[in-house]
Amino acid sequence: MSYAERGLQGVHEIRIVRSRTSTVEVALDPMPPNATDTFIMLRDRKE
């Protein structure tokens, strides 16, 4: 678990935090091969 994931898990509005480090899927993507994407899924407004 990354530092970003740990720091965001305590926020009530956030349902899921996930990170992915890998190579790019498109050859023309300018991102370096060791870049990390962080995905944040929010809770519904009703919650």
PDB file of N, CA and C in Angstrom:
ATOM      1  N   MET A   1       0.852  -1.177   0.000  1.00  0.00           N
ATOM      2  CA  MET A   1       0.000   0.000   0.000  1.00  0.00           C
ATOM      3  C   MET A   1       0.895   1.237   0.000  1.00  0.00           C
ATOM      4  N   SER A   2       0.601   2.170  -0.883  1.00  0.00           N
ATOM      5  CA  SER A   2       1.426   3.374  -1.008  1.00  0.00           C
ATOM      6  C   SER A   2       1.064   4.400   0.072  1.00  0.00           C
ATOM      7  N   TYR A   3       1.931   5.393   0.227  1.00  0.00           N
ATOM      8  CA  TYR A   3       1.665   6.460   1.183  1.00  0.00           C
ATOM      9  C   TYR A   3       0.397   7.224   0.818  1.00  0.00           C
ATOM     10  N   ALA A   4       0.176   7.428  -0.471  1.00  0.00           N
ATOM     11  CA  ALA A   4      -1.035   8.136  -0.918  1.00  0.00           C
ATOM     12  C   ALA A   4      -2.278   7.351  -0.537  1.00  0.00           C
ATOM     13  N   GLU A   5      -2.253   6.029  -0.727  1.00  0.00           N
ATOM     14  CA  GLU A   5      -3.407   5.202  -0.371  1.00  0.00           C
ATOM     15  C   GLU A   5      -3.670   5.262   1.122  1.00  0.00           C
ATOM     16  N   ARG A   6      -2.645   5.150   1.923  1.00  0.00           N
ATOM     17  CA  ARG A   6      -2.820   5.207   3.388  1.00  0.00           C
ATOM     18  C   ARG A   6      -3.375   6.545   3.833  1.00  0.00           C
ATOM     19  N   GLY A   7      -2.877   7.622   3.245  1.00  0.00           N
ATOM     20  CA  GLY A   7      -3.319   8.953   3.631  1.00  0.00           C
ATOM     21  C   GLY A   7      -4.760   9.248   3.253  1.00  0.00           C
ATOM     22  N   LEU A   8      -5.227   8.660   2.165  1.00  0.00           N
ATOM     23  CA  LEU A   8      -6.584   8.939   1.686  1.00  0.00           C
ATOM     24  C   LEU A   8      -7.638   8.007   2.254  1.00  0.00           C
ATOM     25  N   GLN A   9      -7.247   6.889   2.849  1.00  0.00           N
ATOM     26  CA  GLN A   9      -8.231   5.923   3.338  1.00  0.00           C
ATOM     27  C   GLN A   9      -9.088   6.450   4.478  1.00  0.00           C
ATOM     28  N   GLY A  10      -8.624   7.411   5.227  1.00  0.00           N
ATOM     29  CA  GLY A  10      -9.400   7.936   6.335  1.00  0.00           C
ATOM     30  C   GLY A  10     -10.451   8.961   5.935  1.00  0.00           C
ATOM     31  N   VAL A  11     -10.473   9.376   4.689  1.00  0.00           N
ATOM     32  CA  VAL A  11     -11.428  10.374   4.222  1.00  0.00           C
ATOM     33  C   VAL A  11     -12.775   9.690   3.965  1.00  0.00           C
ATOM     34  N   HIS A  12     -13.826  10.179   4.608  1.00  0.00           N
ATOM     35  CA  HIS A  12     -15.141   9.525   4.549  1.00  0.00           C
ATOM     36  C   HIS A  12     -15.724   9.482   3.130  1.00  0.00           C
ATOM     37  N   GLU A  13     -15.479  10.509   2.329  1.00  0.00           N
ATOM     38  CA  GLU A  13     -16.066  10.584   0.987  1.00  0.00           C
ATOM     39  C   GLU A  13     -15.464   9.572   0.015  1.00  0.00           C
ATOM     40  N   ILE A  14     -14.316   8.995   0.366  1.00  0.00           N
ATOM     41  CA  ILE A  14     -13.624   8.067  -0.522  1.00  0.00           C
ATOM     42  C   ILE A  14     -13.993   6.634  -0.180  1.00  0.00           C
ATOM     43  N   ARG A  15     -14.412   5.869  -1.195  1.00  0.00           N
ATOM     44  CA  ARG A  15     -14.783   4.475  -1.007  1.00  0.00           C
ATOM     45  C   ARG A  15     -13.588   3.555  -1.226  1.00  0.00           C
ATOM     46  N   ILE A  16     -12.847   3.738  -2.325  1.00  0.00           N
ATOM     47  CA  ILE A  16     -11.719   2.867  -2.663  1.00  0.00           C
ATOM     48  C   ILE A  16     -10.560   3.715  -3.186  1.00  0.00           C
ATOM     49  N   VAL A  17      -9.337   3.369  -2.785  1.00  0.00           N
ATOM     50  CA  VAL A  17      -8.124   3.984  -3.318  1.00  0.00           C
ATOM     51  C   VAL A  17      -7.209   2.855  -3.781  1.00  0.00           C
ATOM     52  N   ARG A  18      -6.787   2.902  -5.035  1.00  0.00           N
ATOM     53  CA  ARG A  18      -5.892   1.885  -5.590  1.00  0.00           C
ATOM     54  C   ARG A  18      -4.826   2.567  -6.431  1.00  0.00           C
ATOM     55  N   SER A  19      -3.631   2.004  -6.430  1.00  0.00           N
ATOM     56  CA  SER A  19      -2.545   2.501  -7.264  1.00  0.00           C
ATOM     57  C   SER A  19      -2.076   1.395  -8.187  1.00  0.00           C
ATOM     58  N   ARG A  20      -1.586   1.802  -9.356  1.00  0.00           N
ATOM     59  CA  ARG A  20      -1.073   0.836 -10.318  1.00  0.00           C
ATOM     60  C   ARG A  20       0.211   1.388 -10.914  1.00  0.00           C
ATOM     61  N   THR A  21       1.279   0.615 -10.807  1.00  0.00           N
ATOM     62  CA  THR A  21       2.554   0.975 -11.411  1.00  0.00           C
ATOM     63  C   THR A  21       2.861  -0.053 -12.486  1.00  0.00           C
ATOM     64  N   SER A  22       3.032   0.419 -13.715  1.00  0.00           N
ATOM     65  CA  SER A  22       3.321  -0.512 -14.802  1.00  0.00           C
ATOM     66  C   SER A  22       3.772   0.265 -16.021  1.00  0.00           C
ATOM     67  N   THR A  23       4.014  -0.461 -17.079  1.00  0.00           N
ATOM     68  CA  THR A  23       4.378   0.178 -18.334  1.00  0.00           C
ATOM     69  C   THR A  23       3.110   0.667 -19.027  1.00  0.00           C
ATOM     70  N   VAL A  24       3.293   1.575 -19.950  1.00  0.00           N
ATOM     71  CA  VAL A  24       2.146   2.125 -20.668  1.00  0.00           C
ATOM     72  C   VAL A  24       1.609   1.117 -21.674  1.00  0.00           C
ATOM     73  N   GLU A  25       0.341   1.238 -22.012  1.00  0.00           N
ATOM     74  CA  GLU A  25      -0.287   0.318 -22.950  1.00  0.00           C
ATOM     75  C   GLU A  25      -0.249   0.830 -24.386  1.00  0.00           C
ATOM     76  N   VAL A  26      -0.010   2.112 -24.560  1.00  0.00           N
ATOM     77  CA  VAL A  26       0.031   2.712 -25.886  1.00  0.00           C
ATOM     78  C   VAL A  26       1.462   3.187 -26.144  1.00  0.00           C
ATOM     79  N   ALA A  27       2.007   2.840 -27.272  1.00  0.00           N
ATOM     80  CA  ALA A  27       3.400   3.164 -27.569  1.00  0.00           C
ATOM     81  C   ALA A  27       3.667   4.671 -27.631  1.00  0.00           C
ATOM     82  N   LEU A  28       2.667   5.471 -27.937  1.00  0.00           N
ATOM     83  CA  LEU A  28       2.849   6.915 -28.062  1.00  0.00           C
ATOM     84  C   LEU A  28       2.638   7.670 -26.754  1.00  0.00           C
ATOM     85  N   ASP A  29       2.321   6.977 -25.679  1.00  0.00           N
ATOM     86  CA  ASP A  29       2.083   7.612 -24.382  1.00  0.00           C
ATOM     87  C   ASP A  29       3.399   8.175 -23.844  1.00  0.00           C
ATOM     88  N   PRO A  30       3.449   9.455 -23.458  1.00  0.00           N
ATOM     89  CA  PRO A  30       4.696  10.062 -22.993  1.00  0.00           C
ATOM     90  C   PRO A  30       5.091   9.709 -21.554  1.00  0.00           C
ATOM     91  N   MET A  31       4.286   8.945 -20.850  1.00  0.00           N
ATOM     92  CA  MET A  31       4.598   8.600 -19.459  1.00  0.00           C
ATOM     93  C   MET A  31       5.804   7.665 -19.392  1.00  0.00           C
ATOM     94  N   PRO A  32       6.662   7.817 -18.380  1.00  0.00           N
ATOM     95  CA  PRO A  32       7.801   6.913 -18.232  1.00  0.00           C
ATOM     96  C   PRO A  32       7.330   5.513 -17.836  1.00  0.00           C
ATOM     97  N   PRO A  33       8.158   4.486 -18.012  1.00  0.00           N
ATOM     98  CA  PRO A  33       7.733   3.108 -17.757  1.00  0.00           C
ATOM     99  C   PRO A  33       7.456   2.784 -16.294  1.00  0.00           C
ATOM    100  N   ASN A  34       7.899   3.613 -15.365  1.00  0.00           N
ATOM    101  CA  ASN A  34       7.669   3.326 -13.954  1.00  0.00           C
ATOM    102  C   ASN A  34       6.699   4.310 -13.304  1.00  0.00           C
ATOM    103  N   ALA A  35       5.817   4.904 -14.077  1.00  0.00           N
ATOM    104  CA  ALA A  35       4.849   5.872 -13.557  1.00  0.00           C
ATOM    105  C   ALA A  35       3.726   5.150 -12.809  1.00  0.00           C
ATOM    106  N   THR A  36       3.210   5.801 -11.786  1.00  0.00           N
ATOM    107  CA  THR A  36       2.132   5.228 -10.982  1.00  0.00           C
ATOM    108  C   THR A  36       0.861   6.042 -11.172  1.00  0.00           C
ATOM    109  N   ASP A  37      -0.237   5.346 -11.418  1.00  0.00           N
ATOM    110  CA  ASP A  37      -1.559   5.968 -11.489  1.00  0.00           C
ATOM    111  C   ASP A  37      -2.294   5.649 -10.202  1.00  0.00           C
ATOM    112  N   THR A  38      -2.973   6.644  -9.634  1.00  0.00           N
ATOM    113  CA  THR A  38      -3.774   6.436  -8.432  1.00  0.00           C
ATOM    114  C   THR A  38      -5.233   6.633  -8.812  1.00  0.00           C
ATOM    115  N   PHE A  39      -6.057   5.651  -8.492  1.00  0.00           N
ATOM    116  CA  PHE A  39      -7.489   5.685  -8.787  1.00  0.00           C
ATOM    117  C   PHE A  39      -8.248   5.878  -7.482  1.00  0.00           C
ATOM    118  N   ILE A  40      -9.143   6.862  -7.454  1.00  0.00           N
ATOM    119  CA  ILE A  40      -9.926   7.166  -6.261  1.00  0.00           C
ATOM    120  C   ILE A  40     -11.400   7.043  -6.629  1.00  0.00           C
ATOM    121  N   MET A  41     -12.102   6.122  -5.983  1.00  0.00           N
ATOM    122  CA  MET A  41     -13.540   5.938  -6.193  1.00  0.00           C
ATOM    123  C   MET A  41     -14.271   6.585  -5.022  1.00  0.00           C
ATOM    124  N   LEU A  42     -15.183   7.493  -5.344  1.00  0.00           N
ATOM    125  CA  LEU A  42     -15.917   8.209  -4.308  1.00  0.00           C
ATOM    126  C   LEU A  42     -17.215   7.496  -3.942  1.00  0.00           C
ATOM    127  N   ARG A  43     -17.692   7.751  -2.733  1.00  0.00           N
ATOM    128  CA  ARG A  43     -18.981   7.212  -2.295  1.00  0.00           C
ATOM    129  C   ARG A  43     -20.107   7.993  -2.973  1.00  0.00           C
ATOM    130  N   ASP A  44     -21.297   7.423  -2.987  1.00  0.00           N
ATOM    131  CA  ASP A  44     -22.466   8.138  -3.493  1.00  0.00           C
ATOM    132  C   ASP A  44     -22.758   9.329  -2.589  1.00  0.00           C
ATOM    133  N   ARG A  45     -23.332  10.357  -3.140  1.00  0.00           N
ATOM    134  CA  ARG A  45     -23.656  11.558  -2.351  1.00  0.00           C
ATOM    135  C   ARG A  45     -24.624  11.251  -1.207  1.00  0.00           C
ATOM    136  N   LYS A  46     -25.459  10.243  -1.386  1.00  0.00           N
ATOM    137  CA  LYS A  46     -26.434   9.862  -0.356  1.00  0.00           C
ATOM    138  C   LYS A  46     -25.761   9.341   0.907  1.00  0.00           C
ATOM    139  N   GLU A  47     -24.595   8.739   0.751  1.00  0.00           N
ATOM    140  CA  GLU A  47     -23.881   8.176   1.910  1.00  0.00           C
ATOM    141  C   GLU A  47     -23.189   9.286   2.665  1.00  0.00           C
TER     142      GLU A  47
END
